[in-house]
């Protein structure tokens, strides 16, 4: 999937924000004096070894923050929290006008088409980290796995799809890469590595009424949703989750990653960008939501499924009685990835927060 983000500073993709954004500066009064070149010691260069652990480089009391480019599991400090609350108050006091709300919400595809027209495929970095974070992708691309269907929702320019295909050894893999933007699909189809033997790129509205082209109910093994759910309006979440439920096989898996509340990208929004709580318009007209962990768990386990309870005589109950609450997915894993990214040259700290989960369709 594309890391669907905009050229505005708050909307830069995660891979680009460190290099291109003017970050919030949180300076320490004095840094501890530590041995030179500590970052060259292999014992200190700890890499992520398991998904959902989100790394193991912990910031200790006497550590020099600027010895490394990033630290894992870093809670925001009081200075940042105070600044964030001030920003949220300012954002709420200066929301998007009613005219602009209608303009941006009525035709979101327009803004994504403009985005991909302006940025094409060169704006994003390929997501080579997905196999590490979601081991199921290694499994489905293994040589002897057999027939497997993967659906990528919000595929953008193909920065997830093409790295997966590059590592694929399964001759029976089929990857459906769908995006809301016609322009994004054009970019994927024109890519030199686009191979219809393994990949099919189509326009699809994840919150619409139809299933993706070429897919039937219960036909997909794995769904990828990487920085796509945040582009939907909260009013669209339930329909999108139902669509994913419909297309997945029983026991099928959703691999999910998106923005978390308090992420620097949210805190940085200025006046005139606030749509509703945790929901914003970027400078290019695309939308973005920032999630809480409990909120995501409720979305994926608490969605209602409609069940028509027909009476023996053929009559149906009233609509209000014909809907029962049924959990659609089990939460296999759901974590908060908090990191402090560091610009060592400029001595800047940037607090990032992402949500990552795996949701499994319940067996009926």
Protein backbone atom coordinates (compact mmCIF):
# COMPACT_ATOMS: atom_id res chain seq x y z
CA UNK A 1 0.00 0.00 0.00
CA UNK A 2 1.03 3.51 -0.46
CA UNK A 3 2.05 5.44 2.61
CA UNK A 4 -0.81 7.77 1.82
CA UNK A 5 0.41 11.14 2.93
CA UNK A 6 0.76 14.65 1.63
CA UNK A 7 3.46 17.13 0.83
CA UNK A 8 2.45 19.32 3.75
CA UNK A 9 4.83 18.82 6.68
CA UNK A 10 2.22 17.14 8.83
CA UNK A 11 1.36 14.80 6.01
CA UNK A 12 4.76 13.53 4.95
CA UNK A 13 5.13 9.74 4.98
CA UNK A 14 6.74 8.21 8.03
CA UNK A 15 9.87 7.39 6.07
CA UNK A 16 10.27 11.01 4.94
CA UNK A 17 9.21 13.06 7.95
CA UNK A 18 12.57 12.91 9.67
CA UNK A 19 14.41 14.27 6.67
CA UNK A 20 11.93 16.79 5.29
CA UNK A 21 9.74 18.16 8.07
CA UNK A 22 10.43 21.05 10.42
CA UNK A 23 10.05 19.15 13.67
CA UNK A 24 9.07 20.28 17.12
CA UNK A 25 12.25 20.97 19.05
CA UNK A 26 12.46 19.69 22.61
CA UNK A 27 15.94 20.54 23.85
CA UNK A 28 17.56 19.18 26.96
CA UNK A 29 19.46 21.54 29.19
CA UNK A 30 22.66 19.49 29.23
CA UNK A 31 23.47 16.11 27.74
CA UNK A 32 25.33 13.42 29.65
CA UNK A 33 28.96 12.91 28.68
CA UNK A 34 29.27 9.39 27.28
CA UNK A 35 32.14 7.54 25.61
CA UNK A 36 32.77 8.54 22.01
CA UNK A 37 31.37 6.37 19.22
CA UNK A 38 29.06 4.47 21.55
CA UNK A 39 26.78 3.95 18.58
CA UNK A 40 29.46 1.82 16.92
CA UNK A 41 29.24 -0.80 19.66
CA UNK A 42 27.15 -3.73 18.31
CA UNK A 43 25.65 -4.26 21.76
CA UNK A 44 24.09 -0.82 21.54
CA UNK A 45 22.87 -1.06 17.95
CA UNK A 46 19.89 -3.22 18.78
CA UNK A 47 17.67 -4.07 15.82
CA UNK A 48 14.06 -5.10 15.80
CA UNK A 49 14.00 -8.88 15.84
CA UNK A 50 10.32 -9.68 16.40
CA UNK A 51 7.14 -8.02 15.17
CA UNK A 52 5.10 -6.04 17.68
CA UNK A 53 8.08 -5.66 19.99
CA UNK A 54 8.94 -2.46 18.12
CA UNK A 55 12.63 -2.62 18.86
CA UNK A 56 14.69 -2.86 22.01
CA UNK A 57 16.73 0.33 22.21
CA UNK A 58 15.52 1.79 25.48
CA UNK A 59 16.39 5.32 26.53
CA UNK A 60 18.02 5.21 29.97
CA UNK A 61 18.41 8.07 32.39
CA UNK A 62 22.05 8.84 31.58
CA UNK A 63 21.92 8.15 27.85
CA UNK A 64 22.86 10.79 25.32
CA UNK A 65 19.66 11.19 23.30
CA UNK A 66 21.63 12.21 20.23
CA UNK A 67 23.88 9.14 20.11
CA UNK A 68 21.34 7.32 17.92
CA UNK A 69 18.83 8.20 15.21
CA UNK A 70 15.92 6.60 17.05
CA UNK A 71 14.82 5.21 20.43
CA UNK A 72 12.05 2.68 21.04
CA UNK A 73 9.17 2.77 23.54
CA UNK A 74 9.75 6.42 24.42
CA UNK A 75 6.84 8.06 26.22
CA UNK A 76 6.43 11.74 25.50
CA UNK A 77 7.83 14.08 28.12
CA UNK A 78 5.90 16.78 29.99
CA UNK A 79 7.11 19.52 27.64
CA UNK A 80 5.77 17.73 24.60
CA UNK A 81 2.49 16.79 26.31
CA UNK A 82 1.88 20.40 27.30
CA UNK A 83 2.68 21.59 23.81
CA UNK A 84 0.39 18.94 22.28
CA UNK A 85 -2.56 19.93 24.47
CA UNK A 86 -2.05 23.58 23.52
CA UNK A 87 -2.04 22.55 19.86
CA UNK A 88 -5.22 20.49 20.21
CA UNK A 89 -6.99 23.43 21.87
CA UNK A 90 -5.88 25.75 19.08
CA UNK A 91 -7.00 23.26 16.43
CA UNK A 92 -10.47 22.88 17.95
CA UNK A 93 -10.92 26.63 18.15
CA UNK A 94 -10.14 27.03 14.43
CA UNK A 95 -11.83 24.13 12.62
CA UNK A 96 -12.33 23.62 8.92
CA UNK A 97 -15.16 25.82 7.63
CA UNK A 98 -18.49 24.20 6.80
CA UNK A 99 -17.88 25.02 3.14
CA UNK A 100 -14.52 23.24 3.14
CA UNK A 101 -15.89 20.29 5.11
CA UNK A 102 -18.40 19.72 2.35
CA UNK A 103 -15.77 20.27 -0.32
CA UNK A 104 -13.27 17.79 1.10
CA UNK A 105 -15.74 15.14 2.30
CA UNK A 106 -18.01 15.06 -0.74
CA UNK A 107 -15.36 13.84 -3.19
CA UNK A 108 -12.25 12.52 -1.42
CA UNK A 109 -11.17 10.62 -4.55
CA UNK A 110 -10.59 13.95 -6.27
CA UNK A 111 -7.91 14.93 -3.79
CA UNK A 112 -6.13 11.58 -3.94
CA UNK A 113 -6.12 11.75 -7.74
CA UNK A 114 -4.51 15.18 -7.55
CA UNK A 115 -2.01 13.88 -5.03
CA UNK A 116 -0.84 11.00 -7.25
CA UNK A 117 -0.91 13.20 -10.32
CA UNK A 118 1.52 15.57 -8.60
CA UNK A 119 3.70 12.96 -6.91
CA UNK A 120 3.41 9.76 -9.00
CA UNK A 121 5.52 6.90 -7.66
CA UNK A 122 8.64 8.82 -6.72
CA UNK A 123 7.29 10.34 -3.51
CA UNK A 124 7.34 7.13 -1.48
CA UNK A 125 9.90 4.64 -0.30
CA UNK A 126 9.23 0.94 -0.82
CA UNK A 127 8.06 -0.78 2.36
CA UNK A 128 10.61 -3.52 2.63
CA UNK A 129 9.91 -3.83 6.37
CA UNK A 130 6.51 -5.46 5.98
CA UNK A 131 7.78 -9.05 5.99
CA UNK A 132 9.48 -8.33 9.31
CA UNK A 133 6.37 -6.82 10.88
CA UNK A 134 3.89 -9.32 9.42
CA UNK A 135 5.45 -12.82 9.16
CA UNK A 136 2.40 -14.12 7.28
CA UNK A 137 3.82 -12.35 4.22
CA UNK A 138 6.88 -14.60 4.34
CA UNK A 139 4.60 -17.60 4.58
CA UNK A 140 2.35 -16.75 1.63
CA UNK A 141 5.31 -15.96 -0.63
CA UNK A 142 7.17 -19.20 0.15
CA UNK A 143 7.69 -21.59 -2.77
CA UNK A 144 5.54 -24.48 -1.59
CA UNK A 145 2.64 -22.53 -0.06
CA UNK A 146 0.24 -23.12 -2.91
CA UNK A 147 -2.67 -20.92 -4.03
CA UNK A 148 -2.90 -17.74 -1.95
CA UNK A 149 -4.86 -14.55 -2.53
CA UNK A 150 -3.70 -11.30 -0.93
CA UNK A 151 -5.73 -8.08 -1.04
CA UNK A 152 -3.97 -4.78 -0.47
CA UNK A 153 -6.40 -2.01 0.40
CA UNK A 154 -5.14 1.48 -0.40
CA UNK A 155 -2.25 0.26 -2.53
CA UNK A 156 -1.31 3.73 -3.78
CA UNK A 157 1.66 3.65 -6.13
CA UNK A 158 2.52 0.03 -5.30
CA UNK A 159 5.21 0.63 -2.70
CA UNK A 160 4.03 -2.41 -0.78
CA UNK A 161 2.90 -4.60 -3.68
CA UNK A 162 6.06 -4.49 -5.73
CA UNK A 163 8.46 -5.31 -2.86
CA UNK A 164 6.24 -8.29 -1.99
CA UNK A 165 6.35 -9.50 -5.60
CA UNK A 166 10.11 -8.97 -5.74
CA UNK A 167 10.51 -11.43 -2.84
CA UNK A 168 7.84 -13.85 -4.00
CA UNK A 169 8.76 -17.48 -4.67
CA UNK A 170 5.19 -18.77 -4.75
CA UNK A 171 4.09 -19.39 -8.34
CA UNK A 172 0.45 -19.50 -7.20
CA UNK A 173 0.33 -16.15 -5.40
CA UNK A 174 -2.24 -13.62 -6.58
CA UNK A 175 -2.01 -10.06 -5.26
CA UNK A 176 -4.98 -7.73 -5.73
CA UNK A 177 -3.81 -4.14 -5.25
CA UNK A 178 -6.75 -1.75 -4.93
CA UNK A 179 -6.87 1.98 -4.39
CA UNK A 180 -9.49 4.70 -4.23
CA UNK A 181 -7.53 6.81 -6.74
CA UNK A 182 -7.73 6.13 -10.46
CA UNK A 183 -4.41 7.89 -10.90
CA UNK A 184 -2.72 5.63 -8.34
CA UNK A 185 -3.97 2.57 -10.20
CA UNK A 186 -2.63 4.00 -13.46
CA UNK A 187 0.77 4.44 -11.81
CA UNK A 188 0.79 0.81 -10.66
CA UNK A 189 -0.30 -0.54 -14.02
CA UNK A 190 2.41 1.43 -15.81
CA UNK A 191 5.16 0.16 -13.47
CA UNK A 192 7.83 -1.91 -15.20
CA UNK A 193 7.34 -4.73 -12.67
CA UNK A 194 3.57 -4.92 -13.06
CA UNK A 195 2.88 -8.54 -13.98
CA UNK A 196 -0.72 -9.61 -14.41
CA UNK A 197 0.26 -13.22 -13.78
CA UNK A 198 0.69 -12.30 -10.11
CA UNK A 199 -0.85 -8.87 -9.62
CA UNK A 200 -4.12 -7.15 -10.46
CA UNK A 201 -4.49 -3.41 -9.79
CA UNK A 202 -7.99 -1.94 -9.64
CA UNK A 203 -9.93 1.08 -8.44
CA UNK A 204 -11.97 0.22 -5.35
CA UNK A 205 -13.74 2.18 -2.64
CA UNK A 206 -13.12 0.25 0.58
CA UNK A 207 -16.20 1.88 2.14
CA UNK A 208 -18.48 1.33 -0.84
CA UNK A 209 -21.14 -1.32 -1.41
CA UNK A 210 -19.25 -3.56 -3.84
CA UNK A 211 -16.38 -5.98 -3.37
CA UNK A 212 -13.08 -5.44 -5.23
CA UNK A 213 -13.09 -6.40 -8.92
CA UNK A 214 -12.31 -10.04 -9.48
CA UNK A 215 -12.92 -11.08 -5.87
CA UNK A 216 -15.84 -12.91 -4.33
CA UNK A 217 -16.97 -13.31 -0.75
CA UNK A 218 -14.67 -15.56 1.24
CA UNK A 219 -11.94 -15.62 -1.40
CA UNK A 220 -9.02 -13.75 0.25
CA UNK A 221 -6.41 -15.18 2.63
CA UNK A 222 -4.68 -11.98 3.78
CA UNK A 223 -5.69 -8.30 3.70
CA UNK A 224 -3.10 -5.53 4.01
CA UNK A 225 -4.22 -2.15 5.36
CA UNK A 226 -1.17 0.08 5.81
CA UNK A 227 -1.90 3.76 6.48
CA UNK A 228 -5.24 3.51 4.68
CA UNK A 229 -7.88 3.29 7.43
CA UNK A 230 -6.90 6.78 8.62
CA UNK A 231 -7.94 8.21 5.26
CA UNK A 232 -11.56 7.18 5.84
CA UNK A 233 -14.16 9.22 7.63
CA UNK A 234 -15.26 7.70 10.97
CA UNK A 235 -18.68 7.29 9.36
CA UNK A 236 -17.10 4.90 6.84
CA UNK A 237 -15.33 2.58 9.27
CA UNK A 238 -18.17 0.14 9.84
CA UNK A 239 -18.83 -0.41 6.14
CA UNK A 240 -15.12 -0.81 5.41
CA UNK A 241 -14.73 -3.43 8.15
CA UNK A 242 -17.79 -5.29 6.85
CA UNK A 243 -16.32 -5.31 3.34
CA UNK A 244 -13.06 -6.77 4.63
CA UNK A 245 -15.03 -9.35 6.59
CA UNK A 246 -17.02 -10.32 3.49
CA UNK A 247 -14.01 -10.79 1.23
CA UNK A 248 -11.86 -12.75 3.73
CA UNK A 249 -11.99 -16.49 4.17
CA UNK A 250 -12.90 -17.71 7.68
CA UNK A 251 -9.70 -17.45 9.68
CA UNK A 252 -8.27 -14.93 7.21
CA UNK A 253 -5.93 -12.28 8.55
CA UNK A 254 -5.82 -8.46 8.39
CA UNK A 255 -2.39 -6.83 8.70
CA UNK A 256 -2.91 -3.28 9.93
CA UNK A 257 -0.68 -0.25 10.56
CA UNK A 258 -1.74 3.38 10.91
CA UNK A 259 -1.33 6.62 12.84
CA UNK A 260 -1.73 6.88 16.62
CA UNK A 261 -3.01 9.79 18.65
CA UNK A 262 -0.28 12.16 19.73
CA UNK A 263 1.89 11.48 16.72
CA UNK A 264 3.96 14.49 15.70
CA UNK A 265 2.04 14.69 12.43
CA UNK A 266 -1.16 15.36 14.41
CA UNK A 267 0.37 17.80 16.84
CA UNK A 268 1.83 19.88 14.01
CA UNK A 269 -1.49 20.71 12.35
CA UNK A 270 -2.21 24.44 12.30
CA UNK A 271 -5.45 26.39 12.18
CA UNK A 272 -8.11 25.46 9.64
CA UNK A 273 -7.23 21.75 9.45
CA UNK A 274 -9.45 20.29 12.20
CA UNK A 275 -12.50 18.37 10.87
CA UNK A 276 -13.50 16.65 14.10
CA UNK A 277 -11.74 15.07 17.05
CA UNK A 278 -8.52 13.39 15.83
CA UNK A 279 -9.57 13.91 12.18
CA UNK A 280 -7.86 16.47 9.92
CA UNK A 281 -7.46 17.80 6.40
CA UNK A 282 -3.92 17.97 5.07
CA UNK A 283 -2.60 20.78 2.95
CA UNK A 284 -3.31 18.84 -0.25
CA UNK A 285 -6.94 18.11 0.64
CA UNK A 286 -6.51 14.48 1.75
CA UNK A 287 -7.83 13.40 5.15
CA UNK A 288 -6.15 11.68 8.08
CA UNK A 289 -7.35 10.25 11.40
CA UNK A 290 -5.23 9.43 14.48
CA UNK A 291 -6.33 6.36 16.45
CA UNK A 292 -6.35 5.21 20.05
CA UNK A 293 -5.57 1.56 20.80
CA UNK A 294 -8.88 0.82 22.56
CA UNK A 295 -10.75 2.57 19.78
CA UNK A 296 -9.24 0.27 17.16
CA UNK A 297 -10.02 -2.81 19.22
CA UNK A 298 -13.65 -1.71 19.42
CA UNK A 299 -13.83 -1.00 15.69
CA UNK A 300 -12.59 -4.45 14.72
CA UNK A 301 -14.34 -6.52 17.36
CA UNK A 302 -17.48 -4.49 18.07
CA UNK A 303 -18.81 -3.93 14.57
CA UNK A 304 -22.40 -5.09 14.18
CA UNK A 305 -23.34 -7.66 11.60
CA UNK A 306 -26.84 -7.67 10.22
CA UNK A 307 -28.74 -10.89 10.69
CA UNK A 308 -32.31 -11.27 9.42
CA UNK A 309 -34.27 -13.36 11.88
CA UNK A 310 -37.06 -14.78 9.77
CA UNK A 311 -40.07 -16.14 11.58
CA UNK A 312 -41.44 -19.58 10.82
CA UNK A 313 -44.41 -18.06 9.05
CA UNK A 314 -42.14 -16.16 6.66
CA UNK A 315 -42.58 -12.78 8.29
CA UNK A 316 -39.54 -10.79 9.31
CA UNK A 317 -39.07 -8.75 12.40
CA UNK A 318 -38.85 -4.99 12.44
CA UNK A 319 -35.51 -3.60 11.21
CA UNK A 320 -34.57 -2.53 14.73
CA UNK A 321 -35.01 -6.13 15.89
CA UNK A 322 -33.30 -7.78 12.93
CA UNK A 323 -29.82 -6.49 13.74
CA UNK A 324 -27.75 -8.26 16.32
CA UNK A 325 -24.31 -7.35 17.55
CA UNK A 326 -21.76 -9.93 16.49
CA UNK A 327 -18.00 -9.58 16.77
CA UNK A 328 -16.48 -10.03 13.33
CA UNK A 329 -12.78 -10.27 14.14
CA UNK A 330 -10.52 -11.51 16.90
CA UNK A 331 -7.63 -9.25 17.82
CA UNK A 332 -4.54 -11.42 17.44
CA UNK A 333 -2.14 -8.61 18.28
CA UNK A 334 -2.53 -4.86 18.73
CA UNK A 335 0.31 -2.64 19.82
CA UNK A 336 1.34 0.98 20.11
CA UNK A 337 4.67 1.75 18.45
CA UNK A 338 6.10 4.82 20.18
CA UNK A 339 9.44 6.07 18.98
CA UNK A 340 11.60 9.11 19.29
CA UNK A 341 13.31 9.94 16.01
CA UNK A 342 16.38 12.12 16.31
CA UNK A 343 18.01 14.53 13.91
CA UNK A 344 21.51 14.32 15.31
CA UNK A 345 22.93 17.13 13.20
CA UNK A 346 20.23 19.62 14.21
CA UNK A 347 19.72 18.11 17.68
CA UNK A 348 15.97 17.76 17.21
CA UNK A 349 13.63 15.22 18.80
CA UNK A 350 10.47 14.00 17.11
CA UNK A 351 7.88 11.84 18.86
CA UNK A 352 6.11 9.38 16.58
CA UNK A 353 3.19 7.10 17.42
CA UNK A 354 1.80 4.34 15.22
CA UNK A 355 -0.76 1.59 15.75
CA UNK A 356 -0.08 -1.93 14.49
CA UNK A 357 -2.38 -4.91 14.63
CA UNK A 358 -3.40 -8.27 13.29
CA UNK A 359 -7.10 -9.08 13.16
CA UNK A 360 -8.48 -12.50 12.27
CA UNK A 361 -11.90 -13.21 10.81
CA UNK A 362 -13.90 -15.42 13.13
CA UNK A 363 -14.81 -18.90 12.01
CA UNK A 364 -18.56 -19.33 11.63
